[in-house]
N, C-alpha and C. Protein backbone atom coordinates (compact mmCIF):
# COMPACT_ATOMS: atom_id res chain seq x y z
N MET A 1 0.71 -0.85 0.00
CA MET A 1 -0.22 -0.28 -0.42
C MET A 1 0.96 1.41 -0.10
N THR A 2 -0.13 2.78 -0.99
CA THR A 2 1.37 3.74 -0.85
C THR A 2 0.36 3.99 -0.37
N ASN A 3 1.72 5.22 -0.18
CA ASN A 3 1.68 6.78 -0.08
C ASN A 3 1.02 7.65 -0.49
N GLU A 4 1.34 7.22 -1.70
CA GLU A 4 1.06 8.61 -2.59
C GLU A 4 0.30 9.24 -3.39
N PRO A 5 0.28 10.15 -2.96
CA PRO A 5 -1.06 11.08 -3.40
C PRO A 5 -2.13 11.08 -4.37
N ALA A 6 -2.86 11.40 -4.35
CA ALA A 6 -3.59 11.13 -6.02
C ALA A 6 -3.65 12.27 -6.72
N PRO A 7 -3.55 11.99 -8.33
CA PRO A 7 -3.37 12.40 -9.00
C PRO A 7 -4.57 13.71 -9.56
N VAL A 8 -3.69 14.65 -9.54
CA VAL A 8 -5.11 16.06 -9.56
C VAL A 8 -4.75 16.05 -11.21
N PRO A 9 -6.48 16.18 -11.09
CA PRO A 9 -6.91 16.71 -12.43
C PRO A 9 -6.29 17.45 -13.06
N ALA A 10 -5.99 17.68 -15.00
CA ALA A 10 -5.57 19.21 -15.39
C ALA A 10 -6.53 19.90 -15.76
N PRO A 11 -6.85 21.11 -15.27
CA PRO A 11 -7.58 21.69 -15.01
C PRO A 11 -8.13 21.98 -17.03
N ARG A 12 -9.32 21.70 -16.27
CA ARG A 12 -10.23 22.07 -18.51
C ARG A 12 -9.90 23.41 -18.67
N VAL A 13 -9.48 22.88 -19.53
CA VAL A 13 -9.03 24.99 -20.99
C VAL A 13 -10.50 24.45 -21.97
N VAL A 14 -10.80 26.35 -21.44
CA VAL A 14 -12.54 26.17 -22.86
C VAL A 14 -11.50 26.55 -24.12
N SER A 15 -12.01 26.57 -25.12
CA SER A 15 -11.54 27.77 -26.22
C SER A 15 -12.27 28.59 -25.62
N LEU A 16 -11.61 30.07 -26.79
CA LEU A 16 -11.57 30.67 -26.69
C LEU A 16 -13.17 31.27 -27.69
N TYR A 17 -13.37 30.43 -29.06
CA TYR A 17 -13.96 29.72 -30.01
C TYR A 17 -14.95 28.95 -29.77
N ASN A 18 -15.99 29.66 -29.14
CA ASN A 18 -17.49 28.67 -28.21
C ASN A 18 -18.71 29.81 -28.71
N ALA A 19 -19.67 29.68 -28.96
CA ALA A 19 -20.83 29.68 -29.08
C ALA A 19 -21.64 30.16 -27.46
N ALA A 20 -21.23 31.03 -26.81
CA ALA A 20 -21.31 31.73 -25.96
C ALA A 20 -21.08 32.78 -26.61
N ASN A 21 -18.73 32.78 -27.06
CA ASN A 21 -18.15 33.83 -26.87
C ASN A 21 -18.72 34.63 -28.52
N ALA A 22 -19.10 33.53 -29.38
CA ALA A 22 -19.33 34.08 -30.18
C ALA A 22 -20.96 34.80 -30.73
N LEU A 23 -21.89 34.55 -29.66
CA LEU A 23 -23.02 35.51 -29.68
C LEU A 23 -22.58 37.26 -29.06
N THR A 24 -21.59 36.63 -28.12
CA THR A 24 -20.88 38.15 -27.29
C THR A 24 -20.41 38.90 -28.25
N VAL A 25 -19.68 38.45 -29.59
CA VAL A 25 -19.34 39.30 -30.38
C VAL A 25 -20.57 40.08 -31.33
N VAL A 26 -21.58 38.88 -32.09
CA VAL A 26 -22.73 39.78 -32.91
C VAL A 26 -23.24 40.07 -31.56
N ARG A 27 -23.42 40.08 -30.40
CA ARG A 27 -23.93 41.37 -29.97
C ARG A 27 -22.95 42.75 -30.04
N ILE A 28 -21.72 43.36 -30.35
CA ILE A 28 -20.79 44.03 -30.26
C ILE A 28 -20.92 44.41 -31.66
N VAL A 29 -21.32 43.89 -32.63
CA VAL A 29 -21.06 43.07 -33.83
C VAL A 29 -22.72 44.06 -34.61
N LEU A 30 -23.67 44.66 -33.96
CA LEU A 30 -25.22 44.79 -33.75
C LEU A 30 -25.23 46.26 -33.76
N ILE A 31 -24.30 46.55 -32.79
CA ILE A 31 -24.29 47.24 -32.59
C ILE A 31 -24.04 48.85 -33.09
N PRO A 32 -23.39 48.81 -34.21
CA PRO A 32 -22.80 49.35 -35.34
C PRO A 32 -24.33 49.74 -36.30
N VAL A 33 -24.71 48.27 -37.06
CA VAL A 33 -26.31 48.25 -37.17
C VAL A 33 -26.74 49.54 -36.33
N PHE A 34 -27.30 48.62 -35.33
CA PHE A 34 -28.42 49.22 -34.60
C PHE A 34 -28.50 51.01 -34.82
N VAL A 35 -27.33 51.91 -34.51
CA VAL A 35 -26.97 52.95 -35.06
C VAL A 35 -26.74 53.48 -36.02
N ALA A 36 -26.46 52.78 -36.65
CA ALA A 36 -27.16 53.12 -38.61
C ALA A 36 -28.81 52.76 -38.89
N LEU A 37 -29.42 52.33 -38.81
CA LEU A 37 -31.04 52.05 -38.36
C LEU A 37 -31.61 53.05 -37.79
N VAL A 38 -31.44 53.75 -36.31
CA VAL A 38 -31.55 54.80 -35.47
C VAL A 38 -31.46 55.71 -36.27
N ILE A 39 -29.74 56.00 -37.49
CA ILE A 39 -29.90 57.95 -37.56
C ILE A 39 -30.74 57.47 -39.11
N ALA A 40 -31.12 55.74 -39.75
CA ALA A 40 -31.84 56.56 -40.51
C ALA A 40 -33.05 56.50 -40.51
N SER A 41 -33.98 56.45 -39.77
CA SER A 41 -35.04 56.15 -38.94
C SER A 41 -34.77 57.52 -38.70
N GLU A 42 -34.30 58.56 -37.63
CA GLU A 42 -34.47 59.65 -38.12
C GLU A 42 -33.85 60.69 -38.53
N MET A 43 -33.35 60.04 -39.97
CA MET A 43 -32.87 61.71 -41.14
C MET A 43 -33.86 61.18 -42.43
N THR A 44 -34.19 59.91 -43.02
CA THR A 44 -35.03 58.75 -43.69
C THR A 44 -36.35 59.22 -43.33
N ASP A 45 -36.59 57.66 -42.80
CA ASP A 45 -38.15 56.80 -43.53
C ASP A 45 -37.75 56.61 -41.98
N PRO A 46 -39.54 56.96 -40.27
CA PRO A 46 -38.79 56.46 -39.43
C PRO A 46 -39.82 55.21 -39.48
N ASP A 47 -39.97 55.31 -40.66
CA ASP A 47 -40.27 53.25 -40.46
C ASP A 47 -38.86 51.73 -40.29
N TRP A 48 -37.88 52.46 -40.07
CA TRP A 48 -36.49 52.58 -39.99
C TRP A 48 -36.34 51.81 -38.46
N ARG A 49 -37.92 52.82 -38.07
CA ARG A 49 -37.07 52.93 -35.96
C ARG A 49 -38.15 51.21 -35.91
N ILE A 50 -38.46 50.38 -36.86
CA ILE A 50 -38.88 49.46 -36.53
C ILE A 50 -37.64 48.15 -36.64
N ALA A 51 -36.85 48.76 -37.99
CA ALA A 51 -35.72 47.87 -37.67
C ALA A 51 -35.00 48.12 -37.10
N ALA A 52 -34.26 49.49 -36.29
CA ALA A 52 -33.94 49.52 -34.59
C ALA A 52 -34.16 48.56 -34.08
N CYS A 53 -35.50 48.77 -33.80
CA CYS A 53 -36.14 48.29 -32.63
C CYS A 53 -35.48 47.23 -32.01
N LEU A 54 -36.01 45.82 -33.75
CA LEU A 54 -35.64 45.11 -33.85
C LEU A 54 -33.54 44.11 -33.60
N ALA A 55 -33.53 45.07 -34.25
CA ALA A 55 -31.90 44.85 -33.79
C ALA A 55 -31.27 45.18 -32.75
N PHE A 56 -32.31 46.07 -32.13
CA PHE A 56 -31.26 46.21 -30.72
C PHE A 56 -32.13 44.88 -29.88
N CYS A 57 -33.80 44.36 -30.01
CA CYS A 57 -34.27 43.61 -29.21
C CYS A 57 -33.43 41.91 -29.04
N VAL A 58 -32.95 42.21 -30.35
CA VAL A 58 -32.01 40.95 -31.07
C VAL A 58 -30.17 40.68 -30.21
N ALA A 59 -30.05 41.81 -30.24
CA ALA A 59 -29.27 42.10 -29.52
C ALA A 59 -28.90 41.47 -28.31
N SER A 60 -29.75 42.28 -27.31
CA SER A 60 -30.76 42.13 -26.17
C SER A 60 -30.43 40.68 -25.90
N ALA A 61 -31.82 40.02 -26.35
CA ALA A 61 -31.13 39.23 -26.74
C ALA A 61 -29.55 38.26 -26.48
N THR A 62 -29.07 38.20 -26.65
CA THR A 62 -27.86 37.38 -26.73
C THR A 62 -27.49 37.80 -25.78
N ASP A 63 -27.21 38.74 -25.17
CA ASP A 63 -27.21 38.95 -23.21
C ASP A 63 -27.70 37.53 -22.26
N PHE A 64 -28.25 37.80 -22.99
CA PHE A 64 -29.79 36.57 -21.59
C PHE A 64 -29.18 35.50 -22.36
N VAL A 65 -28.82 34.72 -23.90
CA VAL A 65 -28.44 33.41 -24.25
C VAL A 65 -26.81 33.00 -23.81
N ASP A 66 -26.07 33.96 -24.21
CA ASP A 66 -24.03 33.88 -24.57
C ASP A 66 -24.31 33.51 -22.48
N GLY A 67 -25.01 33.94 -21.44
CA GLY A 67 -24.85 33.91 -20.09
C GLY A 67 -25.64 32.68 -19.70
N TRP A 68 -26.59 31.83 -20.63
CA TRP A 68 -26.82 30.79 -20.14
C TRP A 68 -26.41 29.77 -20.33
N ILE A 69 -25.81 29.69 -22.12
CA ILE A 69 -25.10 28.88 -22.07
C ILE A 69 -23.77 28.92 -21.80
N ALA A 70 -22.31 29.58 -21.11
CA ALA A 70 -21.82 29.68 -21.06
C ALA A 70 -21.61 29.17 -19.73
N ARG A 71 -22.94 29.09 -18.80
CA ARG A 71 -23.08 28.31 -17.37
C ARG A 71 -23.43 26.72 -17.11
N ARG A 72 -24.44 26.29 -18.67
CA ARG A 72 -24.98 25.40 -18.40
C ARG A 72 -23.74 24.11 -18.77
N TRP A 73 -22.92 25.42 -20.58
CA TRP A 73 -21.63 24.87 -21.19
C TRP A 73 -20.47 24.83 -20.64
N HIS A 74 -20.79 25.02 -19.29
CA HIS A 74 -19.94 25.73 -18.35
C HIS A 74 -18.20 26.15 -19.57
N LEU A 75 -19.30 26.51 -19.99
CA LEU A 75 -17.41 27.97 -21.92
C LEU A 75 -17.82 29.33 -21.34
N VAL A 76 -17.67 28.96 -19.72
CA VAL A 76 -17.40 30.51 -19.17
C VAL A 76 -15.02 30.94 -19.38
N THR A 77 -15.19 31.71 -20.07
CA THR A 77 -13.49 32.49 -19.99
C THR A 77 -13.31 33.31 -20.06
N SER A 78 -12.14 34.04 -19.19
CA SER A 78 -12.29 35.03 -19.26
C SER A 78 -12.47 36.18 -20.85
N PHE A 79 -11.43 36.01 -21.28
CA PHE A 79 -12.29 37.08 -22.90
C PHE A 79 -14.07 37.29 -22.67
N GLY A 80 -14.94 36.50 -22.27
CA GLY A 80 -16.42 36.07 -21.70
C GLY A 80 -16.55 37.27 -20.45
N LYS A 81 -16.11 37.23 -19.94
CA LYS A 81 -16.03 37.61 -18.80
C LYS A 81 -16.23 39.31 -18.73
N VAL A 82 -14.94 39.41 -19.64
CA VAL A 82 -14.39 41.09 -20.04
C VAL A 82 -15.52 41.14 -20.95
N ALA A 83 -16.01 41.09 -21.92
CA ALA A 83 -16.48 41.75 -22.70
C ALA A 83 -17.50 41.29 -23.19
N ASP A 84 -18.98 39.98 -21.78
CA ASP A 84 -20.61 40.08 -22.11
C ASP A 84 -20.28 41.46 -21.21
N PRO A 85 -20.08 41.56 -20.12
CA PRO A 85 -20.13 43.21 -19.26
C PRO A 85 -20.25 44.65 -20.01
N ILE A 86 -19.62 44.63 -20.77
CA ILE A 86 -19.17 45.44 -21.88
C ILE A 86 -19.35 46.14 -22.59
N ALA A 87 -19.97 44.52 -23.33
CA ALA A 87 -20.84 44.77 -24.85
C ALA A 87 -22.20 44.92 -24.81
N ASP A 88 -23.07 45.01 -23.00
CA ASP A 88 -24.13 44.98 -22.81
C ASP A 88 -24.03 46.45 -22.21
N LYS A 89 -23.19 47.01 -21.49
CA LYS A 89 -23.46 48.23 -21.48
C LYS A 89 -23.22 49.31 -22.48
N ALA A 90 -22.73 48.82 -23.42
CA ALA A 90 -21.88 49.74 -25.09
C ALA A 90 -23.87 49.63 -25.55
N LEU A 91 -23.92 48.62 -25.39
CA LEU A 91 -26.21 48.58 -26.62
C LEU A 91 -26.36 48.96 -25.99
N THR A 92 -26.95 49.46 -23.93
CA THR A 92 -27.95 49.64 -23.25
C THR A 92 -27.72 51.66 -23.47
N GLY A 93 -26.31 51.67 -22.90
CA GLY A 93 -25.62 53.43 -23.26
C GLY A 93 -25.74 53.99 -24.82
N THR A 94 -24.94 53.38 -25.41
CA THR A 94 -25.88 53.69 -27.30
C THR A 94 -27.25 54.11 -27.07
N ALA A 95 -28.50 53.51 -27.42
CA ALA A 95 -29.30 53.41 -27.07
C ALA A 95 -30.01 54.47 -26.95
N LEU A 96 -29.24 54.63 -25.46
CA LEU A 96 -29.70 55.93 -24.47
C LEU A 96 -29.07 56.78 -25.02
N VAL A 97 -28.34 57.24 -25.56
CA VAL A 97 -27.83 58.62 -25.66
C VAL A 97 -27.99 58.58 -27.20
N LEU A 98 -28.28 57.85 -27.99
CA LEU A 98 -29.34 57.39 -29.65
C LEU A 98 -30.32 58.42 -28.96
N LEU A 99 -31.34 57.70 -27.86
CA LEU A 99 -32.26 58.89 -27.83
C LEU A 99 -32.99 59.57 -27.32
N SER A 100 -31.84 60.42 -26.65
CA SER A 100 -31.90 61.56 -26.42
C SER A 100 -31.37 62.73 -26.91
N ALA A 101 -30.60 62.10 -27.50
CA ALA A 101 -29.76 63.34 -28.97
C ALA A 101 -30.76 64.01 -30.10
N TYR A 102 -31.99 62.54 -29.63
CA TYR A 102 -32.47 62.70 -31.22
C TYR A 102 -34.08 63.16 -30.08
N ASP A 103 -33.83 63.46 -28.87
CA ASP A 103 -35.18 64.25 -27.97
C ASP A 103 -36.50 63.61 -28.16
N HIS A 104 -35.54 61.93 -27.48
CA HIS A 104 -36.98 61.46 -27.34
C HIS A 104 -37.60 61.35 -26.01
N LEU A 105 -35.98 61.55 -25.12
CA LEU A 105 -35.62 61.00 -23.83
C LEU A 105 -34.57 61.93 -22.84
N PRO A 106 -35.34 62.71 -22.49
CA PRO A 106 -34.67 63.92 -21.29
C PRO A 106 -32.96 63.05 -20.99
N TRP A 107 -32.05 63.86 -20.66
CA TRP A 107 -30.50 63.64 -21.15
C TRP A 107 -29.86 63.40 -20.22
N TRP A 108 -31.11 64.50 -18.40
CA TRP A 108 -30.84 63.92 -17.43
C TRP A 108 -30.78 61.89 -16.77
N VAL A 109 -32.01 61.83 -17.48
CA VAL A 109 -32.09 59.71 -17.31
C VAL A 109 -31.39 59.60 -18.02
N THR A 110 -30.51 59.42 -18.90
CA THR A 110 -29.67 58.82 -20.09
C THR A 110 -28.07 59.12 -19.05
N ILE A 111 -27.79 60.19 -17.88
CA ILE A 111 -26.62 61.03 -17.29
C ILE A 111 -26.82 59.98 -16.22
N ALA A 112 -27.28 59.92 -15.62
CA ALA A 112 -27.74 59.00 -14.73
C ALA A 112 -27.90 58.11 -14.62
N ILE A 113 -29.04 57.25 -15.73
CA ILE A 113 -28.56 55.99 -15.82
C ILE A 113 -26.49 55.11 -16.50
N LEU A 114 -26.22 55.86 -17.11
CA LEU A 114 -24.31 55.93 -17.59
C LEU A 114 -23.70 55.91 -16.15
N VAL A 115 -24.21 56.72 -15.59
CA VAL A 115 -23.05 56.47 -14.74
C VAL A 115 -22.90 55.99 -13.06
N ARG A 116 -24.57 55.67 -13.19
CA ARG A 116 -24.11 54.03 -12.64
C ARG A 116 -23.77 52.56 -13.09
N GLU A 117 -24.34 52.50 -14.11
CA GLU A 117 -23.29 51.69 -14.94
C GLU A 117 -21.72 51.73 -15.17
N TRP A 118 -21.63 52.51 -15.33
CA TRP A 118 -20.06 52.35 -15.47
C TRP A 118 -19.62 52.64 -14.07
N GLY A 119 -20.09 53.49 -12.83
CA GLY A 119 -19.79 53.52 -11.79
C GLY A 119 -19.92 52.25 -10.94
N VAL A 120 -20.62 51.55 -11.54
CA VAL A 120 -20.59 50.05 -10.30
C VAL A 120 -19.30 49.11 -11.21
N THR A 121 -19.31 49.43 -12.14
CA THR A 121 -18.21 48.84 -13.04
C THR A 121 -16.59 48.48 -12.77
N ALA A 122 -16.76 50.70 -11.82
CA ALA A 122 -15.91 51.09 -11.60
C ALA A 122 -15.39 50.15 -10.57
N LEU A 123 -16.38 50.53 -9.52
CA LEU A 123 -17.01 49.51 -8.20
C LEU A 123 -15.97 48.46 -7.61
N ARG A 124 -16.32 47.18 -9.28
CA ARG A 124 -15.93 46.13 -8.93
C ARG A 124 -15.03 46.43 -8.92
N PHE A 125 -14.09 46.71 -9.84
CA PHE A 125 -12.61 47.10 -9.85
C PHE A 125 -12.36 47.51 -8.77
N TRP A 126 -12.18 47.99 -8.16
CA TRP A 126 -11.96 48.82 -7.29
C TRP A 126 -11.26 47.40 -5.96
N VAL A 127 -12.71 46.69 -5.51
CA VAL A 127 -12.46 45.77 -5.04
C VAL A 127 -11.93 45.19 -5.24
N ILE A 128 -11.92 44.01 -6.12
CA ILE A 128 -11.97 42.64 -7.55
C ILE A 128 -10.58 42.38 -6.51
N ARG A 129 -9.48 42.65 -5.41
CA ARG A 129 -8.44 41.85 -4.63
C ARG A 129 -9.14 41.75 -4.04
N TYR A 130 -10.02 42.45 -3.22
CA TYR A 130 -10.96 41.44 -1.86
C TYR A 130 -11.82 40.71 -2.72
N GLY A 131 -12.39 40.86 -3.33
CA GLY A 131 -13.67 39.49 -3.46
C GLY A 131 -14.56 40.66 -5.41
N ILE A 132 -15.31 39.12 -4.32
CA ILE A 132 -16.15 39.39 -6.32
C ILE A 132 -17.69 39.93 -6.04
N ILE A 133 -18.08 41.53 -6.77
CA ILE A 133 -19.17 41.35 -6.61
C ILE A 133 -19.96 41.04 -7.38
N PRO A 134 -21.03 39.73 -7.09
CA PRO A 134 -21.61 38.84 -8.04
C PRO A 134 -23.33 40.56 -8.24
N ALA A 135 -23.80 39.55 -9.87
CA ALA A 135 -25.32 40.47 -10.46
C ALA A 135 -25.86 39.12 -9.12
N SER A 136 -26.60 41.27 -9.09
CA SER A 136 -28.22 40.18 -7.86
C SER A 136 -28.96 40.33 -8.60
N ARG A 137 -30.09 40.10 -7.92
CA ARG A 137 -31.27 39.54 -8.64
C ARG A 137 -31.99 40.98 -9.44
N GLY A 138 -32.01 42.28 -8.02
CA GLY A 138 -31.87 43.16 -8.59
C GLY A 138 -31.56 43.49 -10.49
N GLY A 139 -30.67 43.59 -10.34
CA GLY A 139 -29.19 43.94 -10.61
C GLY A 139 -29.84 42.60 -12.08
N LYS A 140 -30.72 41.93 -12.68
CA LYS A 140 -31.33 41.42 -13.79
C LYS A 140 -32.26 42.28 -13.60
N LEU A 141 -32.81 42.31 -12.73
CA LEU A 141 -34.60 43.34 -13.38
C LEU A 141 -33.99 44.70 -13.36
N LYS A 142 -33.42 45.00 -12.90
CA LYS A 142 -32.59 47.03 -14.08
C LYS A 142 -32.43 46.61 -14.97
N THR A 143 -31.79 45.14 -15.37
CA THR A 143 -31.53 45.33 -17.31
C THR A 143 -32.49 44.63 -17.98
N GLY A 144 -33.25 43.88 -17.53
CA GLY A 144 -34.46 44.03 -18.01
C GLY A 144 -35.64 44.89 -18.45
N LEU A 145 -35.30 45.68 -17.10
CA LEU A 145 -36.87 47.04 -17.11
C LEU A 145 -36.33 47.53 -18.42
N GLN A 146 -34.56 48.20 -18.79
CA GLN A 146 -33.52 48.93 -19.24
C GLN A 146 -33.96 48.40 -20.36
N ILE A 147 -34.66 46.81 -20.81
CA ILE A 147 -34.63 46.83 -22.46
C ILE A 147 -35.32 47.06 -22.54
N VAL A 148 -36.27 47.17 -22.10
CA VAL A 148 -38.17 47.23 -22.60
C VAL A 148 -38.19 48.54 -22.29
N ALA A 149 -37.94 49.13 -21.41
CA ALA A 149 -37.84 50.38 -21.52
C ALA A 149 -37.77 51.21 -22.99
N ILE A 150 -35.97 50.50 -23.68
CA ILE A 150 -35.29 50.74 -24.70
C ILE A 150 -35.67 50.22 -25.97
N ALA A 151 -36.68 49.73 -25.43
CA ALA A 151 -37.55 48.75 -27.08
C ALA A 151 -38.87 49.59 -27.13
N TRP A 152 -39.13 50.42 -26.35
CA TRP A 152 -40.72 50.96 -26.42
C TRP A 152 -40.65 51.94 -26.75
N TYR A 153 -39.53 53.14 -25.91
CA TYR A 153 -39.36 53.61 -27.42
C TYR A 153 -39.11 53.88 -28.69
N LEU A 154 -38.26 53.06 -28.63
CA LEU A 154 -37.58 52.85 -30.41
C LEU A 154 -39.02 52.53 -31.41
N TRP A 155 -40.03 51.65 -30.75
CA TRP A 155 -40.43 51.15 -31.12
C TRP A 155 -41.71 52.24 -31.41
N PRO A 156 -42.12 53.08 -33.18
CA PRO A 156 -42.72 53.79 -32.93
C PRO A 156 -44.44 53.44 -33.06
N VAL A 157 -44.31 53.34 -31.17
CA VAL A 157 -45.98 53.27 -30.68
C VAL A 157 -47.44 54.40 -31.28
N PRO A 158 -48.07 54.79 -30.90
CA PRO A 158 -48.65 55.57 -30.72
C PRO A 158 -48.25 56.98 -29.73
N GLU A 159 -49.53 58.21 -30.01
CA GLU A 159 -48.87 58.80 -29.01
C GLU A 159 -49.96 59.13 -27.30
N SER A 160 -50.72 57.96 -28.08
CA SER A 160 -51.50 57.54 -26.96
C SER A 160 -50.97 56.41 -25.62
N ALA A 161 -50.00 56.34 -26.09
CA ALA A 161 -49.15 54.93 -25.43
C ALA A 161 -48.08 55.02 -24.74
N ARG A 162 -47.47 56.88 -25.20
CA ARG A 162 -46.20 57.70 -25.07
C ARG A 162 -45.95 57.23 -23.11
N LEU A 163 -47.67 57.29 -22.47
CA LEU A 163 -47.01 57.34 -20.97
C LEU A 163 -46.70 55.87 -21.30
N ILE A 164 -46.40 55.06 -21.56
CA ILE A 164 -46.23 53.76 -20.48
C ILE A 164 -44.47 53.79 -21.23
N GLY A 165 -44.26 54.25 -22.08
CA GLY A 165 -42.91 54.15 -22.11
C GLY A 165 -42.38 54.89 -20.83
N VAL A 166 -42.51 56.58 -20.36
CA VAL A 166 -42.61 57.29 -19.54
C VAL A 166 -42.14 56.07 -18.21
N CYS A 167 -43.05 55.94 -18.38
CA CYS A 167 -43.84 54.98 -17.09
C CYS A 167 -42.53 53.49 -16.28
N LEU A 168 -42.11 53.01 -17.46
CA LEU A 168 -40.91 52.00 -18.24
C LEU A 168 -40.14 52.20 -17.69
N MET A 169 -39.61 53.49 -18.17
CA MET A 169 -38.54 54.24 -17.89
C MET A 169 -37.98 55.00 -16.55
N GLY A 170 -38.99 55.34 -16.49
CA GLY A 170 -38.75 55.62 -14.98
C GLY A 170 -38.92 54.66 -13.37
N ALA A 171 -39.17 53.27 -13.67
CA ALA A 171 -39.58 52.59 -12.95
C ALA A 171 -37.79 51.32 -13.02
N ALA A 172 -37.39 51.52 -14.27
CA ALA A 172 -35.98 51.19 -14.80
C ALA A 172 -34.90 52.38 -14.15
N LEU A 173 -35.28 53.20 -14.15
CA LEU A 173 -34.83 54.35 -13.86
C LEU A 173 -34.03 54.32 -12.32
N VAL A 174 -35.44 54.05 -11.22
CA VAL A 174 -35.59 53.58 -9.57
C VAL A 174 -34.17 52.88 -9.54
N VAL A 175 -35.05 51.36 -9.74
CA VAL A 175 -34.44 50.27 -9.91
C VAL A 175 -32.48 50.62 -10.31
N THR A 176 -32.02 51.69 -11.18
CA THR A 176 -31.11 51.57 -11.60
C THR A 176 -29.77 51.93 -10.28
N VAL A 177 -30.97 53.22 -9.92
CA VAL A 177 -29.88 54.36 -8.97
C VAL A 177 -30.31 53.18 -7.85
N VAL A 178 -30.86 52.69 -6.79
CA VAL A 178 -31.09 51.38 -5.85
C VAL A 178 -30.77 50.40 -6.51
N THR A 179 -29.94 49.82 -6.75
CA THR A 179 -28.94 48.34 -7.19
C THR A 179 -28.07 49.08 -7.10
N GLY A 180 -27.24 50.78 -7.41
CA GLY A 180 -25.84 50.84 -7.24
C GLY A 180 -26.33 51.18 -6.63
N VAL A 181 -26.74 51.85 -5.72
CA VAL A 181 -26.30 52.52 -4.12
C VAL A 181 -26.10 50.69 -3.53
N ALA A 182 -26.35 49.92 -3.72
CA ALA A 182 -26.97 48.09 -2.98
C ALA A 182 -25.33 47.88 -3.56
N TYR A 183 -24.87 47.95 -4.96
CA TYR A 183 -23.38 46.98 -4.73
C TYR A 183 -22.90 48.03 -4.56
N LEU A 184 -22.44 49.71 -3.96
CA LEU A 184 -21.76 50.61 -3.00
C LEU A 184 -21.68 49.87 -1.95
N VAL A 185 -22.90 49.83 -1.57
CA VAL A 185 -22.85 49.61 0.19
C VAL A 185 -22.15 47.86 0.40
N GLU A 186 -22.56 46.43 -1.13
CA GLU A 186 -22.05 45.85 -0.66
C GLU A 186 -19.74 45.58 -1.15
N ALA A 187 -19.64 46.89 -1.91
CA ALA A 187 -18.63 46.72 -1.78
C ALA A 187 -17.49 47.27 -0.88
N LEU A 188 -17.87 48.41 -0.68
CA LEU A 188 -17.82 49.26 0.99
C LEU A 188 -17.35 48.17 2.14
N ARG A 189 -18.61 47.09 2.20
CA ARG A 189 -18.64 46.48 3.53
C ARG A 189 -17.66 45.20 2.74
N LEU A 190 -17.17 44.70 1.71
CA LEU A 190 -16.64 44.33 1.19
C LEU A 190 -14.58 44.43 1.36
N ARG A 191 -14.96 46.27 0.73
CA ARG A 191 -13.58 45.96 1.84
C ARG A 191 -13.09 46.00 2.94
N ALA A 192 -14.41 47.04 3.89
CA ALA A 192 -13.71 47.12 4.82
C ALA A 192 -14.40 45.67 6.21
N GLY A 193 -14.45 44.41 5.34
CA GLY A 193 -14.56 43.21 6.09
C GLY A 193 -12.91 42.13 5.49
N ALA A 194 -12.25 43.02 4.35
CA ALA A 194 -11.07 41.68 3.46
C ALA A 194 -9.81 42.91 4.72
N ARG A 195 -10.41 44.67 4.89
CA ARG A 195 -8.92 44.74 5.60
C ARG A 195 -9.05 45.06 7.07
N ARG A 196 -9.60 43.79 7.76
CA ARG A 196 -9.57 43.78 9.32
C ARG A 196 -9.01 42.16 8.88
């Protein structure tokens, strides 16, 4: 009988070229397409708003699908961890800026949401040596509300339905700010706990 340690299995190597990362790249590629469609809808034909809204919805759907695929089939990569949230924020941020630039959404709403989004990203980097701040249920609700609200603003809805979009964006803004404060509290708690 030997006392040799059991062999340690080699770590599983995940290829960079997988379905989850491909969907992230698709989302990034769709952003300039979405921008072009919004500009076309404002400068030439309002009917392009429908195409712009569909492009935004397809790109947003890839955010949910690529995360599910990565977790379900263990395809998480360093590229995905970095590129996925950047692509997500770039898509929603671009949509908000375009809506404000064409006077469909007040600038203060866009600025408040963007400050929260990039602020939370900065917080995560600030405390990364102490631990990871995972996405919360509130954060997922925030993302869902933002997507629905932006899609409503993009779709050429009749004037009688404009108030629905305002309510959706208002709810998205409230959840965005509240979850931003929650992430700040969590970051401070994590940093204080690690320093003790």
